[in-house]
């Protein structure tokens, strides 16, 4: 089974790039299951129902979110759809679910969304403890378990992957919008990469307008971020899973510029 994880969609440009590239990526690589992080799709913060439906129309199986989950009020219209999840370590009474178990080619695939706590400025529960609680509940219900860890600190991401090594199939990071080159399979079989990158404006500062971003750093004055324009890129990762053992055999970066 080939599983594809697509980096954070940033703005309208990112969504258009996804529409342009994803169908051919799926066909050329015999992709069976697609995960897309959509939390930055609507003007860089949040996701609208229209965009959510456009993403699903591309044969995407599930959309994950992050620190901008609640940025657009639209989200409350579709957050309970079984093809979207928000961080599981948000407060228990928040709308939506932190994980879903979907069927694909005879496999039960659990996808869990978690958010980090280091420099994230989001009040959330401990992702390590939350992950363990979820796994205690669903381990016997899923053949493949995948975690999208939406976090800033590389150390936090690596630590979580080691903590869960052998307990989950895949841990991949999102949020920093820069694809890392540290993909590996840990000693007990869990596949890991610190960040899968982004799908959005190429000539930007992690998707945002260059001049605005530079001005903020140079002057230290407040300046409203805006999504950059122009040409776009798509960052994604393919995980090749053995159909007999459910273990990842290969990790491949797939990027379109």
C-alpha atoms as a PDB file:
ATOM      1  CA  UNK A   1       0.000   0.000   0.000  1.00  0.00           C
ATOM      2  CA  UNK A   2       1.249   3.473  -0.900  1.00  0.00           C
ATOM      3  CA  UNK A   3       0.267   6.276   1.478  1.00  0.00           C
ATOM      4  CA  UNK A   4       0.791   9.944   0.552  1.00  0.00           C
ATOM      5  CA  UNK A   5       0.981  12.828   3.034  1.00  0.00           C
ATOM      6  CA  UNK A   6       0.786  16.322   1.520  1.00  0.00           C
ATOM      7  CA  UNK A   7       2.280  19.313   3.342  1.00  0.00           C
ATOM      8  CA  UNK A   8       0.185  22.202   4.674  1.00  0.00           C
ATOM      9  CA  UNK A   9      -1.940  23.853   1.997  1.00  0.00           C
ATOM     10  CA  UNK A  10      -1.192  27.597   2.156  1.00  0.00           C
ATOM     11  CA  UNK A  11      -3.730  29.933   0.568  1.00  0.00           C
ATOM     12  CA  UNK A  12      -5.553  29.806  -2.720  1.00  0.00           C
ATOM     13  CA  UNK A  13      -2.293  29.290  -4.616  1.00  0.00           C
ATOM     14  CA  UNK A  14      -1.604  26.176  -2.575  1.00  0.00           C
ATOM     15  CA  UNK A  15      -5.032  24.740  -3.293  1.00  0.00           C
ATOM     16  CA  UNK A  16      -4.655  25.401  -7.005  1.00  0.00           C
ATOM     17  CA  UNK A  17      -1.248  23.712  -6.974  1.00  0.00           C
ATOM     18  CA  UNK A  18      -2.802  20.713  -5.229  1.00  0.00           C
ATOM     19  CA  UNK A  19      -5.482  20.513  -7.912  1.00  0.00           C
ATOM     20  CA  UNK A  20      -2.849  20.708 -10.637  1.00  0.00           C
ATOM     21  CA  UNK A  21      -0.390  18.146  -9.293  1.00  0.00           C
ATOM     22  CA  UNK A  22      -2.180  15.650  -7.038  1.00  0.00           C
ATOM     23  CA  UNK A  23      -4.075  13.666  -9.698  1.00  0.00           C
ATOM     24  CA  UNK A  24      -0.863  12.872 -11.606  1.00  0.00           C
ATOM     25  CA  UNK A  25       1.044  12.077  -8.380  1.00  0.00           C
ATOM     26  CA  UNK A  26      -1.657   9.588  -7.402  1.00  0.00           C
ATOM     27  CA  UNK A  27      -1.617   7.969 -10.834  1.00  0.00           C
ATOM     28  CA  UNK A  28       2.143   7.853 -11.351  1.00  0.00           C
ATOM     29  CA  UNK A  29       2.890   6.464  -7.882  1.00  0.00           C
ATOM     30  CA  UNK A  30      -0.118   4.148  -7.484  1.00  0.00           C
ATOM     31  CA  UNK A  31      -1.208   6.003  -4.346  1.00  0.00           C
ATOM     32  CA  UNK A  32      -3.901   4.233  -2.316  1.00  0.00           C
ATOM     33  CA  UNK A  33      -4.486   6.626   0.584  1.00  0.00           C
ATOM     34  CA  UNK A  34      -4.033  10.414   0.742  1.00  0.00           C
ATOM     35  CA  UNK A  35      -3.704  12.697   3.781  1.00  0.00           C
ATOM     36  CA  UNK A  36      -3.656  16.492   3.346  1.00  0.00           C
ATOM     37  CA  UNK A  37      -3.051  19.099   6.034  1.00  0.00           C
ATOM     38  CA  UNK A  38      -5.507  21.919   5.301  1.00  0.00           C
ATOM     39  CA  UNK A  39      -5.241  24.276   8.265  1.00  0.00           C
ATOM     40  CA  UNK A  40      -3.654  27.147   6.299  1.00  0.00           C
ATOM     41  CA  UNK A  41      -5.755  26.891   3.132  1.00  0.00           C
ATOM     42  CA  UNK A  42      -8.052  29.890   3.688  1.00  0.00           C
ATOM     43  CA  UNK A  43      -5.884  33.022   3.428  1.00  0.00           C
ATOM     44  CA  UNK A  44      -3.163  31.300   5.425  1.00  0.00           C
ATOM     45  CA  UNK A  45      -5.330  30.643   8.478  1.00  0.00           C
ATOM     46  CA  UNK A  46      -8.118  28.082   8.655  1.00  0.00           C
ATOM     47  CA  UNK A  47     -10.250  26.179   6.169  1.00  0.00           C
ATOM     48  CA  UNK A  48     -13.590  26.943   4.537  1.00  0.00           C
ATOM     49  CA  UNK A  49     -16.252  24.399   3.647  1.00  0.00           C
ATOM     50  CA  UNK A  50     -15.848  25.152  -0.056  1.00  0.00           C
ATOM     51  CA  UNK A  51     -12.107  24.490   0.093  1.00  0.00           C
ATOM     52  CA  UNK A  52     -12.657  21.345   2.164  1.00  0.00           C
ATOM     53  CA  UNK A  53     -14.987  19.941  -0.494  1.00  0.00           C
ATOM     54  CA  UNK A  54     -12.564  20.879  -3.273  1.00  0.00           C
ATOM     55  CA  UNK A  55      -9.798  18.977  -1.481  1.00  0.00           C
ATOM     56  CA  UNK A  56     -11.982  15.893  -1.045  1.00  0.00           C
ATOM     57  CA  UNK A  57     -12.896  16.015  -4.754  1.00  0.00           C
ATOM     58  CA  UNK A  58      -9.223  15.206  -5.479  1.00  0.00           C
ATOM     59  CA  UNK A  59      -9.600  11.700  -3.975  1.00  0.00           C
ATOM     60  CA  UNK A  60      -8.160  12.809  -0.647  1.00  0.00           C
ATOM     61  CA  UNK A  61      -9.126  10.406   2.142  1.00  0.00           C
ATOM     62  CA  UNK A  62      -8.691  12.685   5.143  1.00  0.00           C
ATOM     63  CA  UNK A  63      -7.799  16.288   5.994  1.00  0.00           C
ATOM     64  CA  UNK A  64      -5.809  17.118   9.134  1.00  0.00           C
ATOM     65  CA  UNK A  65      -5.686  20.465  10.907  1.00  0.00           C
ATOM     66  CA  UNK A  66      -3.566  22.338  13.474  1.00  0.00           C
ATOM     67  CA  UNK A  67      -3.229  25.591  15.403  1.00  0.00           C
ATOM     68  CA  UNK A  68      -5.529  27.484  13.001  1.00  0.00           C
ATOM     69  CA  UNK A  69      -8.361  24.954  13.190  1.00  0.00           C
ATOM     70  CA  UNK A  70     -10.892  27.496  14.485  1.00  0.00           C
ATOM     71  CA  UNK A  71      -9.723  30.481  12.394  1.00  0.00           C
ATOM     72  CA  UNK A  72     -12.742  30.377  10.058  1.00  0.00           C
ATOM     73  CA  UNK A  73     -16.261  30.091  11.497  1.00  0.00           C
ATOM     74  CA  UNK A  74     -17.115  27.912   8.495  1.00  0.00           C
ATOM     75  CA  UNK A  75     -15.311  25.042  10.209  1.00  0.00           C
ATOM     76  CA  UNK A  76     -18.219  24.396  12.558  1.00  0.00           C
ATOM     77  CA  UNK A  77     -20.359  23.408   9.558  1.00  0.00           C
ATOM     78  CA  UNK A  78     -18.170  20.426   8.661  1.00  0.00           C
ATOM     79  CA  UNK A  79     -15.809  19.651  11.551  1.00  0.00           C
ATOM     80  CA  UNK A  80     -17.857  16.525  12.357  1.00  0.00           C
ATOM     81  CA  UNK A  81     -17.398  15.120   8.841  1.00  0.00           C
ATOM     82  CA  UNK A  82     -15.596  11.766   9.084  1.00  0.00           C
ATOM     83  CA  UNK A  83     -12.929  12.949   6.616  1.00  0.00           C
ATOM     84  CA  UNK A  84     -11.491  15.718   8.780  1.00  0.00           C
ATOM     85  CA  UNK A  85      -9.730  15.685  12.152  1.00  0.00           C
ATOM     86  CA  UNK A  86      -8.398  18.399  14.469  1.00  0.00           C
ATOM     87  CA  UNK A  87      -5.690  18.000  17.147  1.00  0.00           C
ATOM     88  CA  UNK A  88      -6.754  15.262  19.555  1.00  0.00           C
ATOM     89  CA  UNK A  89      -5.090  17.020  22.476  1.00  0.00           C
ATOM     90  CA  UNK A  90      -7.376  20.041  22.213  1.00  0.00           C
ATOM     91  CA  UNK A  91      -9.846  20.191  25.146  1.00  0.00           C
ATOM     92  CA  UNK A  92     -12.158  17.158  25.277  1.00  0.00           C
ATOM     93  CA  UNK A  93     -15.319  19.204  24.735  1.00  0.00           C
ATOM     94  CA  UNK A  94     -14.121  20.818  21.494  1.00  0.00           C
ATOM     95  CA  UNK A  95     -16.158  20.017  18.360  1.00  0.00           C
ATOM     96  CA  UNK A  96     -14.804  17.411  15.974  1.00  0.00           C
ATOM     97  CA  UNK A  97     -12.617  14.363  16.474  1.00  0.00           C
ATOM     98  CA  UNK A  98      -8.887  13.950  16.987  1.00  0.00           C
ATOM     99  CA  UNK A  99      -8.673  10.702  15.063  1.00  0.00           C
ATOM    100  CA  UNK A 100     -10.586   8.638  12.537  1.00  0.00           C
ATOM    101  CA  UNK A 101     -10.345   5.028  11.432  1.00  0.00           C
ATOM    102  CA  UNK A 102     -10.969   4.603   7.712  1.00  0.00           C
ATOM    103  CA  UNK A 103     -11.062   1.522   5.503  1.00  0.00           C
ATOM    104  CA  UNK A 104      -8.880   1.277   2.405  1.00  0.00           C
ATOM    105  CA  UNK A 105      -8.090  -1.842   0.370  1.00  0.00           C
ATOM    106  CA  UNK A 106      -9.047  -4.115   3.227  1.00  0.00           C
ATOM    107  CA  UNK A 107      -6.915  -2.216   5.749  1.00  0.00           C
ATOM    108  CA  UNK A 108      -8.172  -0.276   8.764  1.00  0.00           C
ATOM    109  CA  UNK A 109      -6.159   2.950   8.771  1.00  0.00           C
ATOM    110  CA  UNK A 110      -6.197   5.154  11.858  1.00  0.00           C
ATOM    111  CA  UNK A 111      -5.103   8.758  11.379  1.00  0.00           C
ATOM    112  CA  UNK A 112      -4.429  10.794  14.528  1.00  0.00           C
ATOM    113  CA  UNK A 113      -3.849  14.567  14.662  1.00  0.00           C
ATOM    114  CA  UNK A 114      -1.798  16.016  17.530  1.00  0.00           C
ATOM    115  CA  UNK A 115      -0.479  19.508  18.246  1.00  0.00           C
ATOM    116  CA  UNK A 116       2.798  20.357  19.938  1.00  0.00           C
ATOM    117  CA  UNK A 117       3.192  22.525  23.017  1.00  0.00           C
ATOM    118  CA  UNK A 118       6.684  24.004  22.567  1.00  0.00           C
ATOM    119  CA  UNK A 119       6.387  27.654  21.347  1.00  0.00           C
ATOM    120  CA  UNK A 120       2.934  26.974  19.864  1.00  0.00           C
ATOM    121  CA  UNK A 121       0.913  29.418  21.980  1.00  0.00           C
ATOM    122  CA  UNK A 122      -2.011  27.001  22.076  1.00  0.00           C
ATOM    123  CA  UNK A 123      -3.493  25.641  25.285  1.00  0.00           C
ATOM    124  CA  UNK A 124      -3.480  21.892  24.782  1.00  0.00           C
ATOM    125  CA  UNK A 125      -3.033  18.650  26.655  1.00  0.00           C
ATOM    126  CA  UNK A 126       0.238  16.722  26.696  1.00  0.00           C
ATOM    127  CA  UNK A 127       0.492  15.108  23.214  1.00  0.00           C
ATOM    128  CA  UNK A 128       2.595  12.203  24.515  1.00  0.00           C
ATOM    129  CA  UNK A 129       0.042  11.213  27.136  1.00  0.00           C
ATOM    130  CA  UNK A 130      -2.878  11.831  24.774  1.00  0.00           C
ATOM    131  CA  UNK A 131      -1.309   9.655  22.086  1.00  0.00           C
ATOM    132  CA  UNK A 132      -0.815   6.846  24.563  1.00  0.00           C
ATOM    133  CA  UNK A 133      -4.452   7.058  25.699  1.00  0.00           C
ATOM    134  CA  UNK A 134      -5.712   6.890  22.112  1.00  0.00           C
ATOM    135  CA  UNK A 135      -3.457   3.950  21.277  1.00  0.00           C
ATOM    136  CA  UNK A 136      -4.663   2.033  24.310  1.00  0.00           C
ATOM    137  CA  UNK A 137      -8.160   2.444  22.930  1.00  0.00           C
ATOM    138  CA  UNK A 138      -7.659   1.766  19.218  1.00  0.00           C
ATOM    139  CA  UNK A 139      -4.575  -0.445  18.768  1.00  0.00           C
ATOM    140  CA  UNK A 140      -6.689  -3.548  18.245  1.00  0.00           C
ATOM    141  CA  UNK A 141      -9.032  -1.687  15.888  1.00  0.00           C
ATOM    142  CA  UNK A 142      -6.455  -0.551  13.315  1.00  0.00           C
ATOM    143  CA  UNK A 143      -3.942  -2.260  11.021  1.00  0.00           C
ATOM    144  CA  UNK A 144      -2.028   0.945  10.224  1.00  0.00           C
ATOM    145  CA  UNK A 145      -1.700   3.943  12.570  1.00  0.00           C
ATOM    146  CA  UNK A 146      -0.527   7.328  11.292  1.00  0.00           C
ATOM    147  CA  UNK A 147       0.120  10.496  13.280  1.00  0.00           C
ATOM    148  CA  UNK A 148       0.256  14.052  11.911  1.00  0.00           C
ATOM    149  CA  UNK A 149       2.138  15.920  14.651  1.00  0.00           C
ATOM    150  CA  UNK A 150       1.544  19.635  14.076  1.00  0.00           C
ATOM    151  CA  UNK A 151       4.426  21.129  16.024  1.00  0.00           C
ATOM    152  CA  UNK A 152       7.137  23.789  15.936  1.00  0.00           C
ATOM    153  CA  UNK A 153      10.034  22.157  17.767  1.00  0.00           C
ATOM    154  CA  UNK A 154      12.006  19.508  15.917  1.00  0.00           C
ATOM    155  CA  UNK A 155      13.074  17.984  19.228  1.00  0.00           C
ATOM    156  CA  UNK A 156       9.462  17.544  20.323  1.00  0.00           C
ATOM    157  CA  UNK A 157       8.624  15.792  17.061  1.00  0.00           C
ATOM    158  CA  UNK A 158      11.603  13.447  17.219  1.00  0.00           C
ATOM    159  CA  UNK A 159      10.948  12.677  20.862  1.00  0.00           C
ATOM    160  CA  UNK A 160       7.314  11.765  20.174  1.00  0.00           C
ATOM    161  CA  UNK A 161       8.366   9.453  17.342  1.00  0.00           C
ATOM    162  CA  UNK A 162      10.832   7.659  19.614  1.00  0.00           C
ATOM    163  CA  UNK A 163       8.215   7.481  22.365  1.00  0.00           C
ATOM    164  CA  UNK A 164       5.825   5.768  19.915  1.00  0.00           C
ATOM    165  CA  UNK A 165       8.398   3.705  17.999  1.00  0.00           C
ATOM    166  CA  UNK A 166       6.924   0.287  17.348  1.00  0.00           C
ATOM    167  CA  UNK A 167       3.471   1.372  18.511  1.00  0.00           C
ATOM    168  CA  UNK A 168       2.459   3.302  15.384  1.00  0.00           C
ATOM    169  CA  UNK A 169       3.244   2.919  11.693  1.00  0.00           C
ATOM    170  CA  UNK A 170       4.083   6.516  10.762  1.00  0.00           C
ATOM    171  CA  UNK A 171       4.771   9.817  12.518  1.00  0.00           C
ATOM    172  CA  UNK A 172       5.156  12.851  10.273  1.00  0.00           C
ATOM    173  CA  UNK A 173       5.470  16.493  11.245  1.00  0.00           C
ATOM    174  CA  UNK A 174       3.620  19.498   9.888  1.00  0.00           C
ATOM    175  CA  UNK A 175       3.468  23.241  10.700  1.00  0.00           C
ATOM    176  CA  UNK A 176       6.972  24.543   9.962  1.00  0.00           C
ATOM    177  CA  UNK A 177       6.333  24.505   6.177  1.00  0.00           C
ATOM    178  CA  UNK A 178       9.913  23.461   5.382  1.00  0.00           C
ATOM    179  CA  UNK A 179      10.416  19.884   4.234  1.00  0.00           C
ATOM    180  CA  UNK A 180      13.187  18.183   6.184  1.00  0.00           C
ATOM    181  CA  UNK A 181      15.705  15.633   4.931  1.00  0.00           C
ATOM    182  CA  UNK A 182      15.644  13.373   7.984  1.00  0.00           C
ATOM    183  CA  UNK A 183      13.223  10.680   6.867  1.00  0.00           C
ATOM    184  CA  UNK A 184      14.051   7.325   8.457  1.00  0.00           C
ATOM    185  CA  UNK A 185      12.601   4.125   9.828  1.00  0.00           C
ATOM    186  CA  UNK A 186      13.248   3.827  13.566  1.00  0.00           C
ATOM    187  CA  UNK A 187      14.631   0.638  15.182  1.00  0.00           C
ATOM    188  CA  UNK A 188      11.200  -0.740  16.106  1.00  0.00           C
ATOM    189  CA  UNK A 189       9.683  -0.005  12.705  1.00  0.00           C
ATOM    190  CA  UNK A 190       8.008   3.409  12.951  1.00  0.00           C
ATOM    191  CA  UNK A 191       8.602   5.627   9.905  1.00  0.00           C
ATOM    192  CA  UNK A 192       9.386   9.273  10.682  1.00  0.00           C
ATOM    193  CA  UNK A 193      10.107  12.671   9.141  1.00  0.00           C
ATOM    194  CA  UNK A 194      10.269  15.940  11.116  1.00  0.00           C
ATOM    195  CA  UNK A 195       8.257  17.964   8.603  1.00  0.00           C
ATOM    196  CA  UNK A 196       6.679  17.168   5.258  1.00  0.00           C
ATOM    197  CA  UNK A 197       6.788  20.803   4.076  1.00  0.00           C
ATOM    198  CA  UNK A 198       4.029  22.863   2.490  1.00  0.00           C
ATOM    199  CA  UNK A 199       1.972  23.304  -0.651  1.00  0.00           C
ATOM    200  CA  UNK A 200       1.782  26.979  -1.483  1.00  0.00           C
ATOM    201  CA  UNK A 201       3.684  30.061  -2.731  1.00  0.00           C
ATOM    202  CA  UNK A 202       7.240  29.220  -3.642  1.00  0.00           C
ATOM    203  CA  UNK A 203       8.651  32.768  -3.514  1.00  0.00           C
ATOM    204  CA  UNK A 204       7.688  33.418   0.073  1.00  0.00           C
ATOM    205  CA  UNK A 205       8.643  33.116   3.715  1.00  0.00           C
ATOM    206  CA  UNK A 206       6.915  29.841   4.646  1.00  0.00           C
ATOM    207  CA  UNK A 207       3.994  30.893   2.438  1.00  0.00           C
ATOM    208  CA  UNK A 208       3.752  34.516   3.517  1.00  0.00           C
ATOM    209  CA  UNK A 209       4.601  37.658   1.520  1.00  0.00           C
ATOM    210  CA  UNK A 210       8.372  38.230   1.550  1.00  0.00           C
ATOM    211  CA  UNK A 211       8.330  42.009   2.063  1.00  0.00           C
ATOM    212  CA  UNK A 212       5.870  41.841   4.939  1.00  0.00           C
ATOM    213  CA  UNK A 213       7.827  39.069   6.633  1.00  0.00           C
ATOM    214  CA  UNK A 214      11.179  40.845   6.241  1.00  0.00           C
ATOM    215  CA  UNK A 215       9.731  44.122   7.541  1.00  0.00           C
ATOM    216  CA  UNK A 216       8.521  42.392  10.713  1.00  0.00           C
ATOM    217  CA  UNK A 217      12.018  41.073  11.417  1.00  0.00           C
ATOM    218  CA  UNK A 218      13.857  44.298  10.504  1.00  0.00           C
ATOM    219  CA  UNK A 219      11.624  46.776  12.374  1.00  0.00           C
ATOM    220  CA  UNK A 220      10.043  44.593  15.101  1.00  0.00           C
ATOM    221  CA  UNK A 221       6.836  46.510  14.339  1.00  0.00           C
ATOM    222  CA  UNK A 222       3.480  44.744  13.918  1.00  0.00           C
ATOM    223  CA  UNK A 223       2.576  44.084  10.313  1.00  0.00           C
ATOM    224  CA  UNK A 224      -0.330  41.950   9.175  1.00  0.00           C
ATOM    225  CA  UNK A 225       0.809  38.804   7.416  1.00  0.00           C
ATOM    226  CA  UNK A 226      -0.570  38.074   3.971  1.00  0.00           C
ATOM    227  CA  UNK A 227      -0.200  35.036   1.742  1.00  0.00           C
ATOM    228  CA  UNK A 228       2.363  35.496  -1.035  1.00  0.00           C
ATOM    229  CA  UNK A 229       1.411  35.387  -4.703  1.00  0.00           C
ATOM    230  CA  UNK A 230       3.063  33.917  -7.763  1.00  0.00           C
ATOM    231  CA  UNK A 231       4.377  30.451  -8.573  1.00  0.00           C
ATOM    232  CA  UNK A 232       3.770  27.595  -6.153  1.00  0.00           C
ATOM    233  CA  UNK A 233       5.294  24.317  -5.028  1.00  0.00           C
ATOM    234  CA  UNK A 234       3.930  21.058  -3.623  1.00  0.00           C
ATOM    235  CA  UNK A 235       5.733  19.090  -0.903  1.00  0.00           C
ATOM    236  CA  UNK A 236       4.649  15.549  -0.104  1.00  0.00           C
ATOM    237  CA  UNK A 237       5.921  12.267   1.278  1.00  0.00           C
ATOM    238  CA  UNK A 238       5.055   8.747   0.126  1.00  0.00           C
ATOM    239  CA  UNK A 239       5.247   5.839   2.564  1.00  0.00           C
ATOM    240  CA  UNK A 240       5.382   2.369   1.016  1.00  0.00           C
ATOM    241  CA  UNK A 241       3.734  -0.078   3.429  1.00  0.00           C
ATOM    242  CA  UNK A 242       4.156  -3.854   3.235  1.00  0.00           C
ATOM    243  CA  UNK A 243       0.714  -5.405   2.714  1.00  0.00           C
ATOM    244  CA  UNK A 244       1.593  -8.451   4.795  1.00  0.00           C
ATOM    245  CA  UNK A 245       3.361  -6.908   7.797  1.00  0.00           C
ATOM    246  CA  UNK A 246       1.844  -3.375   7.688  1.00  0.00           C
ATOM    247  CA  UNK A 247       5.357  -1.981   8.162  1.00  0.00           C
ATOM    248  CA  UNK A 248       6.862   0.854   6.140  1.00  0.00           C
ATOM    249  CA  UNK A 249       9.487  -0.380   3.691  1.00  0.00           C
ATOM    250  CA  UNK A 250      10.350   2.908   1.974  1.00  0.00           C
ATOM    251  CA  UNK A 251       9.946   6.656   2.464  1.00  0.00           C
ATOM    252  CA  UNK A 252      10.053   8.844  -0.634  1.00  0.00           C
ATOM    253  CA  UNK A 253       9.878  12.627  -0.953  1.00  0.00           C
ATOM    254  CA  UNK A 254       7.696  13.782  -3.871  1.00  0.00           C
ATOM    255  CA  UNK A 255       7.969  17.500  -4.703  1.00  0.00           C
ATOM    256  CA  UNK A 256       6.540  19.517  -7.577  1.00  0.00           C
ATOM    257  CA  UNK A 257       7.832  22.983  -8.461  1.00  0.00           C
END
